[in-house]
Amino acid sequence: MWHTLQPLREVWMKAGLEKLESYEGVAVKVLLDSRATGLFIDTTFAKEKGFKMERMKNPLLVKNVDGTVNVGGAITHQVEYNMFFKEYVERVRMDVCNLGKTEVILEMLWLAAHNPEIDWEKREVKMTRCPPIYGKRKQEEGKEKEVKRIERDEDKEILKKLVPKRFWKWKRVFRKKESERIPV
């Protein structure tokens, strides 16, 4: 038995955007578009949701996928925020332009760099293969915090053993990091 596959023209994922100024979260539907040549957020969506837009020094001419000039004109602003997707978080800077009904578009270079795991039949996206320089998975972030907490606890135990109690109020200067610093 042969299965006829319908052509898949687009893949969407739900994500969260966090404003850097207020830490307010906004739910968004993101289009993964291998034809796009940038990271984009819709002008109307960005304004309605209250994202802080930064003016660019040099505006960029934007063309649609079909090669026509975008009716919204040149890109004059950018928005920066934290993007959350399931267990993944990344700081992102996007160009603000007219996307019509689409809220956010992630381009081919982003897809290639992050190499998301995509189940085309279920239309599911997982960020399991993303290099750490692009973002952190929340689980890894939690593990890092746990390691730092354990290190702090170990420092406290060492401090108690080596430093007399009457000097504990100055314990900061006895920590390993402080002791390796040259006083100025």
C-alpha atoms as a PDB file:
ATOM      1  CA  MET A   1       0.000   0.000   0.000  1.00  0.00           C
ATOM      2  CA  TRP A   2       1.344   3.401  -0.983  1.00  0.00           C
ATOM      3  CA  HIS A   3       0.744   6.497   1.111  1.00  0.00           C
ATOM      4  CA  THR A   4       0.281   9.791  -0.631  1.00  0.00           C
ATOM      5  CA  LEU A   5       1.991  12.557   1.285  1.00  0.00           C
ATOM      6  CA  GLN A   6       0.494  15.989   1.179  1.00  0.00           C
ATOM      7  CA  PRO A   7       3.097  18.679   0.441  1.00  0.00           C
ATOM      8  CA  LEU A   8       4.193  20.351   3.654  1.00  0.00           C
ATOM      9  CA  ARG A   9       4.513  24.053   3.021  1.00  0.00           C
ATOM     10  CA  GLU A  10       4.974  25.294   6.552  1.00  0.00           C
ATOM     11  CA  VAL A  11       5.804  24.224  10.076  1.00  0.00           C
ATOM     12  CA  TRP A  12       4.490  26.173  13.045  1.00  0.00           C
ATOM     13  CA  MET A  13       5.469  26.049  16.699  1.00  0.00           C
ATOM     14  CA  LYS A  14       4.081  27.754  19.763  1.00  0.00           C
ATOM     15  CA  ALA A  15       6.605  29.718  21.786  1.00  0.00           C
ATOM     16  CA  GLY A  16       6.761  32.347  24.487  1.00  0.00           C
ATOM     17  CA  LEU A  17       8.410  35.731  24.179  1.00  0.00           C
ATOM     18  CA  GLU A  18       9.603  37.502  27.325  1.00  0.00           C
ATOM     19  CA  LYS A  19       9.984  41.263  27.326  1.00  0.00           C
ATOM     20  CA  LEU A  20      13.409  42.233  28.667  1.00  0.00           C
ATOM     21  CA  GLU A  21      12.169  45.330  30.506  1.00  0.00           C
ATOM     22  CA  SER A  22       9.177  43.863  32.356  1.00  0.00           C
ATOM     23  CA  TYR A  23       9.758  40.076  32.111  1.00  0.00           C
ATOM     24  CA  GLU A  24       6.151  39.855  30.880  1.00  0.00           C
ATOM     25  CA  GLY A  25       5.483  36.768  28.784  1.00  0.00           C
ATOM     26  CA  VAL A  26       3.572  36.740  25.500  1.00  0.00           C
ATOM     27  CA  ALA A  27       2.407  33.581  23.703  1.00  0.00           C
ATOM     28  CA  VAL A  28       3.204  33.522  19.999  1.00  0.00           C
ATOM     29  CA  LYS A  29       2.767  31.275  16.981  1.00  0.00           C
ATOM     30  CA  VAL A  30       6.097  31.012  15.125  1.00  0.00           C
ATOM     31  CA  LEU A  31       6.506  30.089  11.468  1.00  0.00           C
ATOM     32  CA  LEU A  32       9.645  28.077  10.656  1.00  0.00           C
ATOM     33  CA  ASP A  33      10.358  29.177   7.091  1.00  0.00           C
ATOM     34  CA  SER A  34      13.331  27.796   5.184  1.00  0.00           C
ATOM     35  CA  ARG A  35      12.747  30.441   2.476  1.00  0.00           C
ATOM     36  CA  ALA A  36      13.038  33.415   4.848  1.00  0.00           C
ATOM     37  CA  THR A  37      16.277  35.392   5.021  1.00  0.00           C
ATOM     38  CA  GLY A  38      15.922  36.896   8.480  1.00  0.00           C
ATOM     39  CA  LEU A  39      14.287  36.762  11.901  1.00  0.00           C
ATOM     40  CA  PHE A  40      11.076  38.785  11.809  1.00  0.00           C
ATOM     41  CA  ILE A  41       8.306  39.934  14.134  1.00  0.00           C
ATOM     42  CA  ASP A  42       5.146  41.566  12.811  1.00  0.00           C
ATOM     43  CA  THR A  43       4.885  45.350  13.333  1.00  0.00           C
ATOM     44  CA  THR A  44       1.258  45.312  14.491  1.00  0.00           C
ATOM     45  CA  PHE A  45       1.831  42.354  16.832  1.00  0.00           C
ATOM     46  CA  ALA A  46       4.943  43.988  18.380  1.00  0.00           C
ATOM     47  CA  LYS A  47       3.081  47.275  18.951  1.00  0.00           C
ATOM     48  CA  GLU A  48      -0.088  45.633  20.331  1.00  0.00           C
ATOM     49  CA  LYS A  49       1.927  43.514  22.774  1.00  0.00           C
ATOM     50  CA  GLY A  50       4.029  46.492  23.881  1.00  0.00           C
ATOM     51  CA  PHE A  51       7.493  45.342  22.825  1.00  0.00           C
ATOM     52  CA  LYS A  52      10.195  47.990  23.033  1.00  0.00           C
ATOM     53  CA  MET A  53      11.247  48.785  19.470  1.00  0.00           C
ATOM     54  CA  GLU A  54      14.751  50.090  18.805  1.00  0.00           C
ATOM     55  CA  ARG A  55      15.338  52.279  15.745  1.00  0.00           C
ATOM     56  CA  MET A  56      17.993  50.953  13.346  1.00  0.00           C
ATOM     57  CA  LYS A  57      20.724  53.250  12.028  1.00  0.00           C
ATOM     58  CA  ASN A  58      20.304  51.956   8.481  1.00  0.00           C
ATOM     59  CA  PRO A  59      16.835  50.878   7.299  1.00  0.00           C
ATOM     60  CA  LEU A  60      16.636  47.608   5.314  1.00  0.00           C
ATOM     61  CA  LEU A  61      14.537  47.082   2.200  1.00  0.00           C
ATOM     62  CA  VAL A  62      12.384  43.982   2.671  1.00  0.00           C
ATOM     63  CA  LYS A  63      10.972  41.789  -0.075  1.00  0.00           C
ATOM     64  CA  ASN A  64       8.275  39.166   0.198  1.00  0.00           C
ATOM     65  CA  VAL A  65       8.822  35.529  -0.764  1.00  0.00           C
ATOM     66  CA  ASP A  66       7.448  36.251  -4.249  1.00  0.00           C
ATOM     67  CA  GLY A  67      10.065  39.013  -4.767  1.00  0.00           C
ATOM     68  CA  THR A  68       7.702  41.976  -4.415  1.00  0.00           C
ATOM     69  CA  VAL A  69       8.551  44.865  -2.094  1.00  0.00           C
ATOM     70  CA  ASN A  70       6.745  44.558   1.254  1.00  0.00           C
ATOM     71  CA  VAL A  71       3.810  46.974   1.566  1.00  0.00           C
ATOM     72  CA  GLY A  72       5.017  47.873   5.077  1.00  0.00           C
ATOM     73  CA  GLY A  73       8.092  49.520   3.580  1.00  0.00           C
ATOM     74  CA  ALA A  74      11.668  49.280   4.830  1.00  0.00           C
ATOM     75  CA  ILE A  75      12.620  47.708   8.152  1.00  0.00           C
ATOM     76  CA  THR A  76      13.409  50.572  10.512  1.00  0.00           C
ATOM     77  CA  HIS A  77      13.167  48.910  13.959  1.00  0.00           C
ATOM     78  CA  GLN A  78      14.269  45.801  15.841  1.00  0.00           C
ATOM     79  CA  VAL A  79      12.957  44.064  18.952  1.00  0.00           C
ATOM     80  CA  GLU A  80      15.027  42.030  21.420  1.00  0.00           C
ATOM     81  CA  TYR A  81      13.522  39.504  23.827  1.00  0.00           C
ATOM     82  CA  ASN A  82      13.938  36.041  25.327  1.00  0.00           C
ATOM     83  CA  MET A  83      12.251  33.297  23.323  1.00  0.00           C
ATOM     84  CA  PHE A  84      11.048  30.216  25.191  1.00  0.00           C
ATOM     85  CA  PHE A  85      10.125  26.953  23.499  1.00  0.00           C
ATOM     86  CA  LYS A  86       9.330  24.038  25.808  1.00  0.00           C
ATOM     87  CA  GLU A  87      12.616  23.474  27.683  1.00  0.00           C
ATOM     88  CA  TYR A  88      14.665  25.860  25.493  1.00  0.00           C
ATOM     89  CA  VAL A  89      15.382  29.579  25.998  1.00  0.00           C
ATOM     90  CA  GLU A  90      17.378  32.015  23.846  1.00  0.00           C
ATOM     91  CA  ARG A  91      17.926  35.788  23.573  1.00  0.00           C
ATOM     92  CA  VAL A  92      16.729  36.861  20.117  1.00  0.00           C
ATOM     93  CA  ARG A  93      16.871  40.122  18.126  1.00  0.00           C
ATOM     94  CA  MET A  94      14.329  40.391  15.311  1.00  0.00           C
ATOM     95  CA  ASP A  95      13.581  42.833  12.550  1.00  0.00           C
ATOM     96  CA  VAL A  96      10.138  44.451  12.787  1.00  0.00           C
ATOM     97  CA  CYS A  97       8.132  44.397   9.543  1.00  0.00           C
ATOM     98  CA  ASN A  98       4.681  43.769   8.081  1.00  0.00           C
ATOM     99  CA  LEU A  99       4.005  40.004   8.195  1.00  0.00           C
ATOM    100  CA  GLY A 100       0.241  40.131   7.769  1.00  0.00           C
ATOM    101  CA  LYS A 101      -1.352  37.395   9.906  1.00  0.00           C
ATOM    102  CA  THR A 102       2.008  35.811  10.820  1.00  0.00           C
ATOM    103  CA  GLU A 103       3.417  36.952  14.190  1.00  0.00           C
ATOM    104  CA  VAL A 104       7.016  35.679  14.045  1.00  0.00           C
ATOM    105  CA  ILE A 105       9.179  34.054  11.345  1.00  0.00           C
ATOM    106  CA  LEU A 106      12.427  32.169  11.943  1.00  0.00           C
ATOM    107  CA  GLU A 107      14.690  31.916   8.900  1.00  0.00           C
ATOM    108  CA  MET A 108      16.778  29.216   7.218  1.00  0.00           C
ATOM    109  CA  LEU A 109      20.076  30.258   8.858  1.00  0.00           C
ATOM    110  CA  TRP A 110      18.421  30.027  12.293  1.00  0.00           C
ATOM    111  CA  LEU A 111      17.072  26.582  11.385  1.00  0.00           C
ATOM    112  CA  ALA A 112      20.470  25.410  10.131  1.00  0.00           C
ATOM    113  CA  ALA A 113      22.315  26.733  13.199  1.00  0.00           C
ATOM    114  CA  HIS A 114      19.830  25.280  15.716  1.00  0.00           C
ATOM    115  CA  ASN A 115      19.106  22.071  13.810  1.00  0.00           C
ATOM    116  CA  PRO A 116      15.732  21.396  15.447  1.00  0.00           C
ATOM    117  CA  GLU A 117      14.363  17.877  15.434  1.00  0.00           C
ATOM    118  CA  ILE A 118      11.190  18.013  13.329  1.00  0.00           C
ATOM    119  CA  ASP A 119       8.638  15.215  13.087  1.00  0.00           C
ATOM    120  CA  TRP A 120       7.060  16.110   9.758  1.00  0.00           C
ATOM    121  CA  GLU A 121       4.086  13.753  10.124  1.00  0.00           C
ATOM    122  CA  LYS A 122       3.104  14.991  13.586  1.00  0.00           C
ATOM    123  CA  ARG A 123       4.341  18.520  12.870  1.00  0.00           C
ATOM    124  CA  GLU A 124       6.233  18.547  16.175  1.00  0.00           C
ATOM    125  CA  VAL A 125       9.424  20.474  16.827  1.00  0.00           C
ATOM    126  CA  LYS A 126      12.028  19.640  19.489  1.00  0.00           C
ATOM    127  CA  MET A 127      15.165  21.655  20.305  1.00  0.00           C
ATOM    128  CA  THR A 128      17.314  18.643  21.197  1.00  0.00           C
ATOM    129  CA  ARG A 129      20.328  19.289  18.959  1.00  0.00           C
ATOM    130  CA  CYS A 130      20.881  23.004  19.456  1.00  0.00           C
ATOM    131  CA  PRO A 131      24.499  24.021  20.210  1.00  0.00           C
ATOM    132  CA  PRO A 132      24.819  25.651  23.676  1.00  0.00           C
ATOM    133  CA  ILE A 133      26.098  28.962  22.255  1.00  0.00           C
ATOM    134  CA  TYR A 134      22.605  29.741  20.928  1.00  0.00           C
ATOM    135  CA  GLY A 135      20.564  29.153  24.046  1.00  0.00           C
ATOM    136  CA  LYS A 136      20.019  26.976  27.082  1.00  0.00           C
ATOM    137  CA  ARG A 137      17.602  24.285  27.865  1.00  0.00           C
ATOM    138  CA  LYS A 138      15.885  25.017  31.161  1.00  0.00           C
ATOM    139  CA  GLN A 139      16.910  21.587  32.498  1.00  0.00           C
ATOM    140  CA  GLU A 140      20.596  22.394  31.878  1.00  0.00           C
ATOM    141  CA  GLU A 141      20.144  25.812  33.460  1.00  0.00           C
ATOM    142  CA  GLY A 142      18.688  24.091  36.544  1.00  0.00           C
ATOM    143  CA  LYS A 143      21.615  21.665  36.676  1.00  0.00           C
ATOM    144  CA  GLU A 144      24.078  24.573  36.556  1.00  0.00           C
ATOM    145  CA  LYS A 145      22.301  26.245  39.468  1.00  0.00           C
ATOM    146  CA  GLU A 146      22.387  22.970  41.419  1.00  0.00           C
ATOM    147  CA  VAL A 147      26.151  22.586  40.813  1.00  0.00           C
ATOM    148  CA  LYS A 148      26.754  26.176  41.973  1.00  0.00           C
ATOM    149  CA  ARG A 149      24.603  25.564  45.074  1.00  0.00           C
ATOM    150  CA  ILE A 150      26.597  22.425  45.906  1.00  0.00           C
ATOM    151  CA  GLU A 151      29.859  24.328  45.410  1.00  0.00           C
ATOM    152  CA  ARG A 152      28.622  27.065  47.778  1.00  0.00           C
ATOM    153  CA  ASP A 153      27.636  24.438  50.360  1.00  0.00           C
ATOM    154  CA  GLU A 154      31.069  22.802  50.067  1.00  0.00           C
ATOM    155  CA  ASP A 155      32.697  26.233  50.476  1.00  0.00           C
ATOM    156  CA  LYS A 156      30.700  26.756  53.678  1.00  0.00           C
ATOM    157  CA  GLU A 157      31.871  23.420  55.086  1.00  0.00           C
ATOM    158  CA  ILE A 158      35.507  24.159  54.239  1.00  0.00           C
ATOM    159  CA  LEU A 159      35.139  27.636  55.745  1.00  0.00           C
ATOM    160  CA  LYS A 160      33.792  26.192  59.008  1.00  0.00           C
ATOM    161  CA  LYS A 161      36.727  23.769  59.234  1.00  0.00           C
ATOM    162  CA  LEU A 162      39.526  26.193  58.393  1.00  0.00           C
ATOM    163  CA  VAL A 163      38.440  29.596  59.689  1.00  0.00           C
ATOM    164  CA  PRO A 164      37.857  30.318  63.385  1.00  0.00           C
ATOM    165  CA  LYS A 165      34.252  31.322  64.151  1.00  0.00           C
ATOM    166  CA  ARG A 166      35.211  34.814  65.302  1.00  0.00           C
ATOM    167  CA  PHE A 167      36.344  35.588  61.715  1.00  0.00           C
ATOM    168  CA  TRP A 168      33.193  34.278  59.982  1.00  0.00           C
ATOM    169  CA  LYS A 169      31.717  37.749  59.606  1.00  0.00           C
ATOM    170  CA  TRP A 170      34.540  38.360  57.099  1.00  0.00           C
ATOM    171  CA  LYS A 171      34.027  34.960  55.435  1.00  0.00           C
ATOM    172  CA  ARG A 172      33.861  36.466  51.963  1.00  0.00           C
ATOM    173  CA  VAL A 173      37.622  37.145  51.958  1.00  0.00           C
ATOM    174  CA  PHE A 174      38.323  33.512  52.823  1.00  0.00           C
ATOM    175  CA  ARG A 175      36.509  32.069  49.823  1.00  0.00           C
ATOM    176  CA  LYS A 176      38.582  30.497  47.093  1.00  0.00           C
ATOM    177  CA  LYS A 177      37.628  33.069  44.451  1.00  0.00           C
ATOM    178  CA  GLU A 178      38.460  36.001  46.744  1.00  0.00           C
ATOM    179  CA  SER A 179      41.699  34.434  47.935  1.00  0.00           C
ATOM    180  CA  GLU A 180      42.945  34.129  44.339  1.00  0.00           C
ATOM    181  CA  ARG A 181      42.307  37.816  43.647  1.00  0.00           C
ATOM    182  CA  ILE A 182      45.200  40.227  43.981  1.00  0.00           C
ATOM    183  CA  PRO A 183      44.265  43.132  46.270  1.00  0.00           C
ATOM    184  CA  VAL A 184      44.417  46.630  44.780  1.00  0.00           C
END
